[in-house]
Amino acid sequence: MKTFGLVVPAGKGSTFEKNVRGLLVDQDGLSAIVLPMLEAWRGLRIRAAELGRQLVTGARQSQACRILMSIPGVGAITATSFATAIEDPNNFRKSRSVGAWLGLTTRRYQSGEVDYDGHISRRGDRQVRGLLFEAATVILTRSSAESGLRTWGLKLRERVGFKRAAVAVARKLAVIMHAMLKTGTFFDRTVGAVA
């Protein structure tokens, strides 16, 4: 609509729709083009909200997801994505292997006398890795629930910086989540981050 000299004021959802409709009152030619797209956009928003509700309902009904959602910062999307990616927790002998499987461990560079850790390997499921990073960010920034994992992450953040600490917390979170799925236990905030 900018092309036609109409700038839509800032707004989300129904506010955005109201603003667009207000600008199209005297624009018959443009209305014929934009209104069908606006209707399609509204339909997509309604369908996305419906799917989101179904996802939350399904996560609440799943024992594995309920276990994972007991961790502060882990919601329905992260829990269902992780549980779906892992499928059977017995596929991994050690919970520590899950961090490497998701690409959250550092690559090692060795050549002659040179030996150092590099960036994370980024192998495995990109979406689950991103969701774990997001959950780790929530644990470090917005979560008010104290836990051993959060305390460890905050100490690490002071030493190595926020992003590296968030990746480390994401890896440790993956290890803890796998162990919880394997044992069927809920998150215990009093336990320190030992993984």
C-alpha atoms as a PDB file:
ATOM      1  CA  MET A   1       0.000   0.000   0.000  1.00  0.00           C
ATOM      2  CA  LYS A   2       3.035   2.255   0.407  1.00  0.00           C
ATOM      3  CA  THR A   3       3.425   2.149  -3.349  1.00  0.00           C
ATOM      4  CA  PHE A   4       0.066   3.890  -3.637  1.00  0.00           C
ATOM      5  CA  GLY A   5       0.920   6.506  -1.008  1.00  0.00           C
ATOM      6  CA  LEU A   6      -0.940   4.857   1.869  1.00  0.00           C
ATOM      7  CA  VAL A   7       1.096   4.194   5.009  1.00  0.00           C
ATOM      8  CA  VAL A   8      -0.565   1.849   7.492  1.00  0.00           C
ATOM      9  CA  PRO A   9      -0.112   3.004  11.113  1.00  0.00           C
ATOM     10  CA  ALA A  10       1.561   0.591  13.505  1.00  0.00           C
ATOM     11  CA  GLY A  11      -0.668  -2.042  15.018  1.00  0.00           C
ATOM     12  CA  LYS A  12      -1.157  -5.760  15.430  1.00  0.00           C
ATOM     13  CA  GLY A  13      -4.048  -8.100  14.825  1.00  0.00           C
ATOM     14  CA  SER A  14      -7.453  -6.452  14.726  1.00  0.00           C
ATOM     15  CA  THR A  15      -5.879  -2.992  15.115  1.00  0.00           C
ATOM     16  CA  PHE A  16      -3.869  -3.549  11.943  1.00  0.00           C
ATOM     17  CA  GLU A  17      -6.972  -4.771  10.116  1.00  0.00           C
ATOM     18  CA  LYS A  18      -8.990  -1.749  11.292  1.00  0.00           C
ATOM     19  CA  ASN A  19      -6.219   0.625  10.154  1.00  0.00           C
ATOM     20  CA  VAL A  20      -6.042  -0.978   6.701  1.00  0.00           C
ATOM     21  CA  ARG A  21      -9.816  -0.891   6.266  1.00  0.00           C
ATOM     22  CA  GLY A  22      -9.846   2.768   7.350  1.00  0.00           C
ATOM     23  CA  LEU A  23      -7.283   3.660   4.685  1.00  0.00           C
ATOM     24  CA  LEU A  24      -9.199   1.790   1.975  1.00  0.00           C
ATOM     25  CA  VAL A  25     -12.525   3.647   2.448  1.00  0.00           C
ATOM     26  CA  ASP A  26     -12.174   5.868  -0.647  1.00  0.00           C
ATOM     27  CA  GLN A  27      -9.862   3.554  -2.614  1.00  0.00           C
ATOM     28  CA  ASP A  28     -12.178   1.329  -4.703  1.00  0.00           C
ATOM     29  CA  GLY A  29      -9.509  -0.005  -7.073  1.00  0.00           C
ATOM     30  CA  LEU A  30      -7.042  -0.748  -4.320  1.00  0.00           C
ATOM     31  CA  SER A  31      -9.744  -2.244  -2.099  1.00  0.00           C
ATOM     32  CA  ALA A  32     -10.472  -4.889  -4.725  1.00  0.00           C
ATOM     33  CA  ILE A  33      -6.853  -6.049  -4.433  1.00  0.00           C
ATOM     34  CA  VAL A  34      -6.117  -5.603  -0.734  1.00  0.00           C
ATOM     35  CA  LEU A  35      -9.378  -6.744   0.914  1.00  0.00           C
ATOM     36  CA  PRO A  36      -9.164 -10.365  -0.356  1.00  0.00           C
ATOM     37  CA  MET A  37      -5.582 -10.521   0.935  1.00  0.00           C
ATOM     38  CA  LEU A  38      -6.737  -9.093   4.259  1.00  0.00           C
ATOM     39  CA  GLU A  39      -9.454 -11.767   4.489  1.00  0.00           C
ATOM     40  CA  ALA A  40      -6.892 -14.495   3.732  1.00  0.00           C
ATOM     41  CA  TRP A  41      -4.587 -13.018   6.390  1.00  0.00           C
ATOM     42  CA  ARG A  42      -7.416 -13.054   8.932  1.00  0.00           C
ATOM     43  CA  GLY A  43      -8.195 -16.687   8.060  1.00  0.00           C
ATOM     44  CA  LEU A  44      -4.546 -17.634   8.562  1.00  0.00           C
ATOM     45  CA  ARG A  45      -4.468 -15.907  11.943  1.00  0.00           C
ATOM     46  CA  ILE A  46      -7.608 -17.728  13.073  1.00  0.00           C
ATOM     47  CA  ARG A  47      -6.239 -21.083  11.889  1.00  0.00           C
ATOM     48  CA  ALA A  48      -2.841 -20.453  13.544  1.00  0.00           C
ATOM     49  CA  ALA A  49      -4.554 -19.608  16.842  1.00  0.00           C
ATOM     50  CA  GLU A  50      -6.650 -22.772  16.579  1.00  0.00           C
ATOM     51  CA  LEU A  51      -3.566 -24.912  15.895  1.00  0.00           C
ATOM     52  CA  GLY A  52      -1.780 -23.259  18.817  1.00  0.00           C
ATOM     53  CA  ARG A  53      -4.654 -24.172  21.141  1.00  0.00           C
ATOM     54  CA  GLN A  54      -4.598 -27.769  19.848  1.00  0.00           C
ATOM     55  CA  LEU A  55      -0.843 -27.953  20.458  1.00  0.00           C
ATOM     56  CA  VAL A  56      -1.197 -26.730  24.042  1.00  0.00           C
ATOM     57  CA  THR A  57      -4.061 -29.166  24.669  1.00  0.00           C
ATOM     58  CA  GLY A  58      -2.035 -32.052  23.246  1.00  0.00           C
ATOM     59  CA  ALA A  59       1.005 -31.078  25.303  1.00  0.00           C
ATOM     60  CA  ARG A  60      -1.063 -31.010  28.490  1.00  0.00           C
ATOM     61  CA  GLN A  61      -2.392 -34.499  27.730  1.00  0.00           C
ATOM     62  CA  SER A  62       1.059 -35.982  27.060  1.00  0.00           C
ATOM     63  CA  GLN A  63       2.925 -37.218  30.138  1.00  0.00           C
ATOM     64  CA  ALA A  64       6.308 -36.587  28.478  1.00  0.00           C
ATOM     65  CA  CYS A  65       5.380 -32.982  27.651  1.00  0.00           C
ATOM     66  CA  ARG A  66       4.005 -32.349  31.140  1.00  0.00           C
ATOM     67  CA  ILE A  67       7.309 -33.570  32.585  1.00  0.00           C
ATOM     68  CA  LEU A  68       9.294 -31.272  30.290  1.00  0.00           C
ATOM     69  CA  MET A  69       7.017 -28.270  30.888  1.00  0.00           C
ATOM     70  CA  SER A  70       7.767 -28.494  34.618  1.00  0.00           C
ATOM     71  CA  ILE A  71      11.055 -26.725  33.772  1.00  0.00           C
ATOM     72  CA  PRO A  72      10.697 -22.925  34.031  1.00  0.00           C
ATOM     73  CA  GLY A  73      11.113 -21.440  30.548  1.00  0.00           C
ATOM     74  CA  VAL A  74      10.037 -24.582  28.671  1.00  0.00           C
ATOM     75  CA  GLY A  75       6.613 -24.238  27.106  1.00  0.00           C
ATOM     76  CA  ALA A  76       4.357 -26.423  24.997  1.00  0.00           C
ATOM     77  CA  ILE A  77       6.178 -25.850  21.697  1.00  0.00           C
ATOM     78  CA  THR A  78       9.641 -26.599  23.107  1.00  0.00           C
ATOM     79  CA  ALA A  79       8.389 -29.637  25.029  1.00  0.00           C
ATOM     80  CA  THR A  80       6.549 -31.186  22.081  1.00  0.00           C
ATOM     81  CA  SER A  81       9.416 -30.473  19.676  1.00  0.00           C
ATOM     82  CA  PHE A  82      11.988 -32.017  22.006  1.00  0.00           C
ATOM     83  CA  ALA A  83       9.847 -35.063  22.829  1.00  0.00           C
ATOM     84  CA  THR A  84       9.125 -35.609  19.130  1.00  0.00           C
ATOM     85  CA  ALA A  85      12.783 -35.265  18.137  1.00  0.00           C
ATOM     86  CA  ILE A  86      13.987 -37.679  20.829  1.00  0.00           C
ATOM     87  CA  GLU A  87      11.119 -40.168  20.229  1.00  0.00           C
ATOM     88  CA  ASP A  88      12.450 -42.900  22.536  1.00  0.00           C
ATOM     89  CA  PRO A  89      14.733 -41.738  25.372  1.00  0.00           C
ATOM     90  CA  ASN A  90      16.375 -45.171  25.384  1.00  0.00           C
ATOM     91  CA  ASN A  91      17.927 -44.416  21.976  1.00  0.00           C
ATOM     92  CA  PHE A  92      20.681 -42.624  23.907  1.00  0.00           C
ATOM     93  CA  ARG A  93      22.703 -44.571  26.458  1.00  0.00           C
ATOM     94  CA  LYS A  94      23.921 -41.376  28.137  1.00  0.00           C
ATOM     95  CA  SER A  95      21.976 -38.155  28.448  1.00  0.00           C
ATOM     96  CA  ARG A  96      25.175 -36.235  27.685  1.00  0.00           C
ATOM     97  CA  SER A  97      25.013 -37.561  24.111  1.00  0.00           C
ATOM     98  CA  VAL A  98      21.851 -35.553  23.424  1.00  0.00           C
ATOM     99  CA  GLY A  99      23.721 -32.240  23.511  1.00  0.00           C
ATOM    100  CA  ALA A 100      26.114 -33.457  20.826  1.00  0.00           C
ATOM    101  CA  TRP A 101      23.277 -35.009  18.803  1.00  0.00           C
ATOM    102  CA  LEU A 102      21.545 -31.626  18.690  1.00  0.00           C
ATOM    103  CA  GLY A 103      24.763 -29.814  17.747  1.00  0.00           C
ATOM    104  CA  LEU A 104      25.141 -27.917  21.016  1.00  0.00           C
ATOM    105  CA  THR A 105      28.696 -29.032  21.789  1.00  0.00           C
ATOM    106  CA  THR A 106      31.796 -27.231  20.608  1.00  0.00           C
ATOM    107  CA  ARG A 107      33.855 -28.427  17.684  1.00  0.00           C
ATOM    108  CA  ARG A 108      37.438 -29.280  18.432  1.00  0.00           C
ATOM    109  CA  TYR A 109      40.290 -28.004  16.272  1.00  0.00           C
ATOM    110  CA  GLN A 110      43.549 -29.935  16.565  1.00  0.00           C
ATOM    111  CA  SER A 111      46.595 -29.611  14.355  1.00  0.00           C
ATOM    112  CA  GLY A 112      50.163 -30.037  15.480  1.00  0.00           C
ATOM    113  CA  GLU A 113      50.582 -27.939  18.598  1.00  0.00           C
ATOM    114  CA  VAL A 114      47.226 -26.187  18.135  1.00  0.00           C
ATOM    115  CA  ASP A 115      44.305 -27.487  20.191  1.00  0.00           C
ATOM    116  CA  TYR A 116      41.249 -25.345  20.899  1.00  0.00           C
ATOM    117  CA  ASP A 117      37.468 -25.481  21.037  1.00  0.00           C
ATOM    118  CA  GLY A 118      35.604 -23.694  18.282  1.00  0.00           C
ATOM    119  CA  HIS A 119      31.971 -22.860  17.636  1.00  0.00           C
ATOM    120  CA  ILE A 120      29.133 -25.292  18.254  1.00  0.00           C
ATOM    121  CA  SER A 121      28.854 -28.046  15.650  1.00  0.00           C
ATOM    122  CA  ARG A 122      25.243 -27.187  14.646  1.00  0.00           C
ATOM    123  CA  ARG A 123      24.446 -30.767  13.737  1.00  0.00           C
ATOM    124  CA  GLY A 124      21.038 -32.244  14.312  1.00  0.00           C
ATOM    125  CA  ASP A 125      17.611 -30.647  14.392  1.00  0.00           C
ATOM    126  CA  ARG A 126      17.934 -26.886  13.864  1.00  0.00           C
ATOM    127  CA  GLN A 127      14.449 -26.098  15.134  1.00  0.00           C
ATOM    128  CA  VAL A 128      14.863 -27.980  18.418  1.00  0.00           C
ATOM    129  CA  ARG A 129      18.291 -26.393  18.917  1.00  0.00           C
ATOM    130  CA  GLY A 130      16.750 -22.947  18.375  1.00  0.00           C
ATOM    131  CA  LEU A 131      13.905 -23.654  20.780  1.00  0.00           C
ATOM    132  CA  LEU A 132      16.350 -24.863  23.431  1.00  0.00           C
ATOM    133  CA  PHE A 133      18.388 -21.680  22.967  1.00  0.00           C
ATOM    134  CA  GLU A 134      15.201 -19.649  23.351  1.00  0.00           C
ATOM    135  CA  ALA A 135      14.253 -21.558  26.521  1.00  0.00           C
ATOM    136  CA  ALA A 136      17.776 -21.011  27.876  1.00  0.00           C
ATOM    137  CA  THR A 137      17.453 -17.294  27.153  1.00  0.00           C
ATOM    138  CA  VAL A 138      14.168 -17.203  29.079  1.00  0.00           C
ATOM    139  CA  ILE A 139      15.781 -19.054  31.985  1.00  0.00           C
ATOM    140  CA  LEU A 140      18.641 -16.544  32.094  1.00  0.00           C
ATOM    141  CA  THR A 141      16.609 -13.373  31.595  1.00  0.00           C
ATOM    142  CA  ARG A 142      12.883 -13.542  32.323  1.00  0.00           C
ATOM    143  CA  SER A 143      12.443 -16.501  34.656  1.00  0.00           C
ATOM    144  CA  SER A 144      11.999 -15.510  38.273  1.00  0.00           C
ATOM    145  CA  ALA A 145      12.045 -19.129  39.461  1.00  0.00           C
ATOM    146  CA  GLU A 146      15.420 -19.861  41.019  1.00  0.00           C
ATOM    147  CA  SER A 147      16.991 -23.197  40.157  1.00  0.00           C
ATOM    148  CA  GLY A 148      20.431 -24.733  40.106  1.00  0.00           C
ATOM    149  CA  LEU A 149      20.459 -24.449  36.319  1.00  0.00           C
ATOM    150  CA  ARG A 150      19.654 -20.723  36.385  1.00  0.00           C
ATOM    151  CA  THR A 151      22.223 -20.005  39.092  1.00  0.00           C
ATOM    152  CA  TRP A 152      24.899 -21.887  37.143  1.00  0.00           C
ATOM    153  CA  GLY A 153      23.952 -20.078  33.923  1.00  0.00           C
ATOM    154  CA  LEU A 154      24.077 -16.633  35.537  1.00  0.00           C
ATOM    155  CA  LYS A 155      27.536 -17.324  36.979  1.00  0.00           C
ATOM    156  CA  LEU A 156      28.693 -18.528  33.579  1.00  0.00           C
ATOM    157  CA  ARG A 157      27.231 -15.423  31.917  1.00  0.00           C
ATOM    158  CA  GLU A 158      29.425 -13.187  34.060  1.00  0.00           C
ATOM    159  CA  ARG A 159      32.503 -15.109  32.951  1.00  0.00           C
ATOM    160  CA  VAL A 160      31.966 -15.817  29.231  1.00  0.00           C
ATOM    161  CA  GLY A 161      29.164 -13.496  28.092  1.00  0.00           C
ATOM    162  CA  PHE A 162      25.472 -13.919  27.445  1.00  0.00           C
ATOM    163  CA  LYS A 163      25.370 -15.845  24.160  1.00  0.00           C
ATOM    164  CA  ARG A 164      27.951 -18.442  25.152  1.00  0.00           C
ATOM    165  CA  ALA A 165      26.225 -18.907  28.491  1.00  0.00           C
ATOM    166  CA  ALA A 166      22.858 -19.315  26.754  1.00  0.00           C
ATOM    167  CA  VAL A 167      24.289 -22.018  24.459  1.00  0.00           C
ATOM    168  CA  ALA A 168      25.817 -23.793  27.466  1.00  0.00           C
ATOM    169  CA  VAL A 169      22.499 -23.620  29.338  1.00  0.00           C
ATOM    170  CA  ALA A 170      20.704 -24.910  26.213  1.00  0.00           C
ATOM    171  CA  ARG A 171      23.057 -27.901  26.053  1.00  0.00           C
ATOM    172  CA  LYS A 172      22.643 -28.604  29.746  1.00  0.00           C
ATOM    173  CA  LEU A 173      18.889 -28.161  29.379  1.00  0.00           C
ATOM    174  CA  ALA A 174      18.836 -30.804  26.613  1.00  0.00           C
ATOM    175  CA  VAL A 175      20.770 -33.196  28.853  1.00  0.00           C
ATOM    176  CA  ILE A 176      18.424 -32.566  31.787  1.00  0.00           C
ATOM    177  CA  MET A 177      15.305 -32.894  29.618  1.00  0.00           C
ATOM    178  CA  HIS A 178      16.510 -36.242  28.261  1.00  0.00           C
ATOM    179  CA  ALA A 179      17.287 -37.511  31.767  1.00  0.00           C
ATOM    180  CA  MET A 180      13.825 -36.411  32.914  1.00  0.00           C
ATOM    181  CA  LEU A 181      12.181 -38.262  30.019  1.00  0.00           C
ATOM    182  CA  LYS A 182      14.247 -41.368  30.714  1.00  0.00           C
ATOM    183  CA  THR A 183      13.425 -41.466  34.431  1.00  0.00           C
ATOM    184  CA  GLY A 184       9.926 -39.976  34.220  1.00  0.00           C
ATOM    185  CA  THR A 185      10.640 -37.419  36.954  1.00  0.00           C
ATOM    186  CA  PHE A 186       9.588 -33.787  37.096  1.00  0.00           C
ATOM    187  CA  PHE A 187      12.076 -30.910  37.316  1.00  0.00           C
ATOM    188  CA  ASP A 188      13.565 -30.358  40.772  1.00  0.00           C
ATOM    189  CA  ARG A 189      14.668 -26.748  41.272  1.00  0.00           C
ATOM    190  CA  THR A 190      16.692 -27.569  44.357  1.00  0.00           C
ATOM    191  CA  VAL A 191      19.119 -29.836  42.494  1.00  0.00           C
ATOM    192  CA  GLY A 192      22.234 -28.127  41.152  1.00  0.00           C
ATOM    193  CA  ALA A 193      23.229 -28.219  37.489  1.00  0.00           C
ATOM    194  CA  VAL A 194      25.483 -31.271  37.436  1.00  0.00           C
ATOM    195  CA  ALA A 195      24.956 -32.585  33.904  1.00  0.00           C
END
